[in-house]
Amino acid sequence: MQDPDLELLIKAAHTSGEIATGFAMDRLKKWDKDAGAGPVTEADLAVNAYLEDTLQTARPDYGWLSEETEDTAARLGKTRAFVIDPIDGTRSFIEGATTWAHSIAVVENGLPVAAVVYLPLRQKLYAAAKGKGATLNGAPITASKRSALSGAELLAARPAFEPHHWKSAPPDLKRAYRPSLAYRLALVAEGRYDGMLTLRRSWEWDIAAGALLITEAGAKVTDRKGKALSFNKTDPASNGVVASSTGLHAELIKALA
């Protein structure tokens, strides 16, 4: 029997994809947020409005944290909360690329318990429930078992390999990149890459769903110092993200400055 929260998230993700892909890109309204927070579009807001209405109607006792909703302290007193990024990878969405995703999670007492990362234009739906494993389009997925740092394939932005981020020279790694942080985490959970890292301050809505995919696929995820991630915090961000197989994770944390 499927987890009730996960079933809710999967249905919501499919409808979110229909809403987002229904916008005519040549007429899409878009603008930049204040304080250099990046672009937003009418599609982001439409998906957010749908998710907020649908999910909070279904679970009125859950808190709400979304990139596109003004945050309040009301969520902090809730045992469970939704942590949402309506469209992760908005720049990719605007450009007409296929690597943007809906990132939708439920967290309980600070830890993710149900999660979906959905890429409608790639027809890839990653899902996980705590203790029940992770799947891609319904099929189980397992993360890489690699432990050797040299030659590992990592998803990371180019600035993460600047020398000052490492105790010695940056390790001999094969680097790739995807704009959506949620998708990067999902690809590691799928075993397509050995790991991923971002050394910048990272928002909970980008990582909550992917973090559960990682752990349910048998890998490990922490902040850049190796500290366990927690969610629905007063300050909804983490000090970077490092995700990979357990053995490789220890080597990455050891190598980082």
Protein backbone atom coordinates (compact mmCIF):
# COMPACT_ATOMS: atom_id res chain seq x y z
CA MET A 1 0.00 0.00 0.00
CA GLN A 2 1.41 3.38 -1.01
CA ASP A 3 2.13 6.03 1.59
CA PRO A 4 -0.89 8.43 1.64
CA ASP A 5 1.27 11.56 1.62
CA LEU A 6 3.38 10.23 -1.25
CA GLU A 7 0.26 9.40 -3.24
CA LEU A 8 -0.94 12.96 -2.70
CA LEU A 9 2.39 14.40 -3.84
CA ILE A 10 2.52 12.26 -6.98
CA LYS A 11 -0.93 13.37 -8.09
CA ALA A 12 -0.06 17.00 -7.34
CA ALA A 13 3.20 16.73 -9.29
CA HIS A 14 1.47 15.45 -12.43
CA THR A 15 -1.04 18.30 -12.36
CA SER A 16 1.77 20.79 -11.69
CA GLY A 17 3.48 19.55 -14.85
CA GLU A 18 0.30 20.07 -16.85
CA ILE A 19 -0.02 23.63 -15.52
CA ALA A 20 3.61 24.58 -16.18
CA THR A 21 3.78 23.10 -19.68
CA GLY A 22 0.49 24.73 -20.59
CA PHE A 23 2.03 28.20 -20.77
CA ALA A 24 2.92 29.59 -24.19
CA MET A 25 6.63 30.30 -23.84
CA ASP A 26 6.65 33.11 -26.41
CA ARG A 27 4.13 35.02 -24.27
CA LEU A 28 5.37 33.97 -20.82
CA LYS A 29 5.42 36.81 -18.30
CA LYS A 30 8.66 36.86 -16.31
CA TRP A 31 10.54 39.25 -14.06
CA ASP A 32 13.42 39.38 -11.58
CA LYS A 33 12.83 39.10 -7.84
CA ASP A 34 14.15 41.68 -5.42
CA ALA A 35 17.65 41.47 -3.90
CA GLY A 36 19.06 39.42 -6.75
CA ALA A 37 16.99 36.36 -5.85
CA GLY A 38 16.71 35.28 -9.47
CA PRO A 39 13.90 35.18 -12.02
CA VAL A 40 10.28 34.15 -11.51
CA THR A 41 7.50 33.61 -14.04
CA GLU A 42 3.73 33.48 -14.06
CA ALA A 43 4.10 29.70 -14.37
CA ASP A 44 6.00 29.50 -11.06
CA LEU A 45 3.20 31.41 -9.36
CA ALA A 46 0.42 29.40 -11.01
CA VAL A 47 1.97 26.09 -9.94
CA ASN A 48 2.56 27.46 -6.46
CA ALA A 49 -1.06 28.60 -6.14
CA TYR A 50 -2.33 25.20 -7.26
CA LEU A 51 -0.04 23.32 -4.87
CA GLU A 52 -0.81 25.55 -1.91
CA ASP A 53 -4.55 25.22 -2.43
CA THR A 54 -4.54 21.48 -3.17
CA LEU A 55 -2.03 20.31 -0.58
CA GLN A 56 -3.17 22.53 2.27
CA THR A 57 -6.80 21.63 1.63
CA ALA A 58 -5.86 17.95 1.81
CA ARG A 59 -3.64 18.41 4.90
CA PRO A 60 -4.82 21.57 6.73
CA ASP A 61 -2.74 20.74 9.82
CA TYR A 62 0.55 20.74 7.88
CA GLY A 63 2.83 23.77 7.71
CA TRP A 64 3.83 25.41 4.42
CA LEU A 65 7.22 26.52 3.12
CA SER A 66 7.61 27.44 -0.54
CA GLU A 67 10.02 29.56 -2.53
CA GLU A 68 7.10 31.47 -4.01
CA THR A 69 5.06 32.09 -0.83
CA GLU A 70 5.94 34.76 1.71
CA ASP A 71 7.24 32.87 4.73
CA THR A 72 5.64 33.11 8.17
CA ALA A 73 6.41 31.60 11.56
CA ALA A 74 3.15 29.59 11.52
CA ARG A 75 4.90 26.56 10.02
CA LEU A 76 7.42 26.32 12.87
CA GLY A 77 4.86 24.94 15.32
CA LYS A 78 3.76 22.16 12.96
CA THR A 79 4.89 18.53 13.30
CA ARG A 80 4.61 18.07 9.54
CA ALA A 81 5.13 20.63 6.80
CA PHE A 82 5.19 20.81 3.01
CA VAL A 83 8.49 22.08 1.59
CA ILE A 84 7.99 23.12 -2.04
CA ASP A 85 9.77 24.57 -5.03
CA PRO A 86 7.07 24.97 -7.69
CA ILE A 87 9.67 25.13 -10.47
CA ASP A 88 13.28 24.38 -9.60
CA GLY A 89 15.42 25.64 -12.46
CA THR A 90 13.33 28.63 -13.52
CA ARG A 91 16.08 29.91 -15.81
CA SER A 92 16.01 26.58 -17.66
CA PHE A 93 12.23 26.79 -17.87
CA ILE A 94 12.46 30.28 -19.40
CA GLU A 95 15.09 29.08 -21.90
CA GLY A 96 12.88 26.21 -23.03
CA ALA A 97 15.20 23.52 -21.67
CA THR A 98 13.92 20.22 -20.24
CA THR A 99 15.89 19.99 -16.99
CA TRP A 100 13.62 22.00 -14.67
CA ALA A 101 11.64 20.14 -12.03
CA HIS A 102 8.86 20.30 -9.49
CA SER A 103 10.30 19.58 -6.03
CA ILE A 104 7.67 18.61 -3.46
CA ALA A 105 8.28 17.15 0.00
CA VAL A 106 6.65 16.49 3.35
CA VAL A 107 8.91 16.80 6.39
CA GLU A 108 8.14 15.53 9.88
CA ASN A 109 10.01 16.89 12.90
CA GLY A 110 12.66 18.28 10.56
CA LEU A 111 13.19 15.19 8.37
CA PRO A 112 11.70 14.40 4.94
CA VAL A 113 9.20 11.52 4.97
CA ALA A 114 7.65 11.78 1.47
CA ALA A 115 9.13 13.33 -1.65
CA VAL A 116 8.66 13.79 -5.38
CA VAL A 117 10.97 15.36 -7.96
CA TYR A 118 9.15 15.50 -11.30
CA LEU A 119 10.53 16.55 -14.69
CA PRO A 120 7.47 16.67 -16.96
CA LEU A 121 9.36 17.35 -20.19
CA ARG A 122 11.57 14.32 -19.56
CA GLN A 123 8.74 12.20 -18.19
CA LYS A 124 10.81 11.37 -15.11
CA LEU A 125 9.06 11.08 -11.78
CA TYR A 126 11.31 10.33 -8.82
CA ALA A 127 9.51 9.41 -5.62
CA ALA A 128 10.34 8.21 -2.11
CA ALA A 129 8.69 7.55 1.24
CA LYS A 130 10.68 7.09 4.42
CA GLY A 131 11.64 3.46 4.90
CA LYS A 132 10.14 2.38 1.57
CA GLY A 133 12.94 3.07 -0.91
CA ALA A 134 13.18 5.40 -3.88
CA THR A 135 11.81 4.94 -7.39
CA LEU A 136 11.98 6.42 -10.87
CA ASN A 137 8.69 6.03 -12.75
CA GLY A 138 7.76 3.28 -10.30
CA ALA A 139 10.96 1.22 -10.64
CA PRO A 140 13.37 1.01 -7.67
CA ILE A 141 16.60 3.00 -7.91
CA THR A 142 19.89 2.58 -6.05
CA ALA A 143 22.74 5.04 -5.65
CA SER A 144 26.35 4.40 -6.65
CA LYS A 145 28.50 2.34 -4.28
CA ARG A 146 31.75 4.06 -5.28
CA SER A 147 34.22 4.90 -2.51
CA ALA A 148 37.29 6.08 -4.47
CA LEU A 149 37.49 9.85 -4.87
CA SER A 150 39.80 9.93 -7.89
CA GLY A 151 37.84 9.55 -11.10
CA ALA A 152 34.42 9.86 -9.46
CA GLU A 153 31.68 11.54 -11.51
CA LEU A 154 30.22 14.51 -9.66
CA LEU A 155 27.50 17.03 -10.44
CA ALA A 156 28.72 20.47 -9.39
CA ALA A 157 28.99 24.03 -10.65
CA ARG A 158 32.44 25.08 -11.86
CA PRO A 159 33.09 27.47 -8.91
CA ALA A 160 32.97 24.51 -6.51
CA PHE A 161 36.33 23.42 -7.91
CA GLU A 162 38.16 26.64 -7.13
CA PRO A 163 41.26 25.79 -5.06
CA HIS A 164 40.22 27.67 -1.90
CA HIS A 165 37.34 25.23 -1.37
CA TRP A 166 39.76 22.30 -0.92
CA LYS A 167 42.42 21.46 1.65
CA SER A 168 44.88 20.78 -1.16
CA ALA A 169 44.40 20.87 -4.93
CA PRO A 170 40.88 20.00 -6.16
CA PRO A 171 40.63 16.20 -6.58
CA ASP A 172 40.72 14.45 -9.94
CA LEU A 173 36.97 14.28 -10.54
CA LYS A 174 34.80 14.13 -13.65
CA ARG A 175 32.45 17.12 -13.43
CA ALA A 176 28.99 17.54 -14.93
CA TYR A 177 26.19 19.97 -14.17
CA ARG A 178 22.40 20.38 -14.22
CA PRO A 179 20.76 23.71 -13.29
CA SER A 180 18.10 22.18 -11.03
CA LEU A 181 19.50 21.25 -7.62
CA ALA A 182 16.57 18.88 -7.06
CA TYR A 183 17.39 17.09 -10.33
CA ARG A 184 21.08 16.80 -9.39
CA LEU A 185 20.11 15.06 -6.15
CA ALA A 186 17.71 12.79 -8.05
CA LEU A 187 20.40 11.80 -10.55
CA VAL A 188 22.70 10.77 -7.70
CA ALA A 189 19.88 8.75 -6.13
CA GLU A 190 19.36 7.09 -9.52
CA GLY A 191 23.04 6.08 -9.65
CA ARG A 192 23.70 8.07 -12.83
CA TYR A 193 26.41 10.03 -10.98
CA ASP A 194 28.54 9.12 -7.97
CA GLY A 195 27.76 12.31 -6.12
CA MET A 196 26.93 16.00 -6.19
CA LEU A 197 27.95 19.02 -4.22
CA THR A 198 27.09 22.66 -3.94
CA LEU A 199 29.11 24.81 -1.59
CA ARG A 200 26.76 27.78 -1.58
CA ARG A 201 23.99 28.49 0.90
CA SER A 202 21.16 26.23 -0.24
CA TRP A 203 17.42 26.69 0.31
CA GLU A 204 15.34 23.94 1.89
CA TRP A 205 12.79 23.94 -0.93
CA ASP A 206 15.51 22.99 -3.42
CA ILE A 207 16.85 20.06 -1.39
CA ALA A 208 14.17 18.54 0.88
CA ALA A 209 12.70 16.19 -1.73
CA GLY A 210 16.07 15.22 -3.19
CA ALA A 211 17.51 14.57 0.25
CA LEU A 212 14.95 11.82 0.89
CA LEU A 213 15.60 10.31 -2.55
CA ILE A 214 19.29 10.14 -1.65
CA THR A 215 18.88 8.39 1.70
CA GLU A 216 16.21 5.99 0.44
CA ALA A 217 18.48 5.05 -2.48
CA GLY A 218 21.19 4.05 0.00
CA ALA A 219 23.45 7.09 -0.15
CA LYS A 220 24.26 9.94 2.25
CA VAL A 221 23.51 13.67 2.24
CA THR A 222 24.78 16.41 4.57
CA ASP A 223 25.85 20.04 4.46
CA ARG A 224 29.37 20.90 3.29
CA LYS A 225 30.79 20.31 6.77
CA GLY A 226 29.26 16.85 7.09
CA LYS A 227 26.46 17.99 9.38
CA ALA A 228 23.08 16.29 9.03
CA LEU A 229 20.42 18.28 7.19
CA SER A 230 17.22 19.37 8.90
CA PHE A 231 14.19 21.13 7.49
CA ASN A 232 11.41 23.51 8.47
CA LYS A 233 13.94 25.57 10.41
CA THR A 234 13.58 29.25 11.33
CA ASP A 235 16.26 30.01 8.73
CA PRO A 236 15.25 27.65 5.89
CA ALA A 237 18.68 27.07 4.39
CA SER A 238 21.73 24.82 4.73
CA ASN A 239 25.46 25.43 4.51
CA GLY A 240 25.81 23.80 1.11
CA VAL A 241 24.96 20.20 0.22
CA VAL A 242 27.14 17.11 -0.29
CA ALA A 243 25.46 13.89 -1.45
CA SER A 244 27.05 10.62 -2.56
CA SER A 245 27.63 7.00 -1.61
CA THR A 246 28.66 6.60 2.03
CA GLY A 247 32.32 5.83 1.32
CA LEU A 248 32.74 8.61 -1.22
CA HIS A 249 30.92 11.05 1.05
CA ALA A 250 33.51 10.59 3.79
CA GLU A 251 36.30 11.26 1.28
CA LEU A 252 34.62 14.39 -0.06
CA ILE A 253 34.08 15.87 3.39
CA LYS A 254 37.67 15.05 4.31
CA ALA A 255 38.97 16.80 1.18
CA LEU A 256 36.88 19.97 1.47
CA ALA A 257 38.38 22.97 3.24
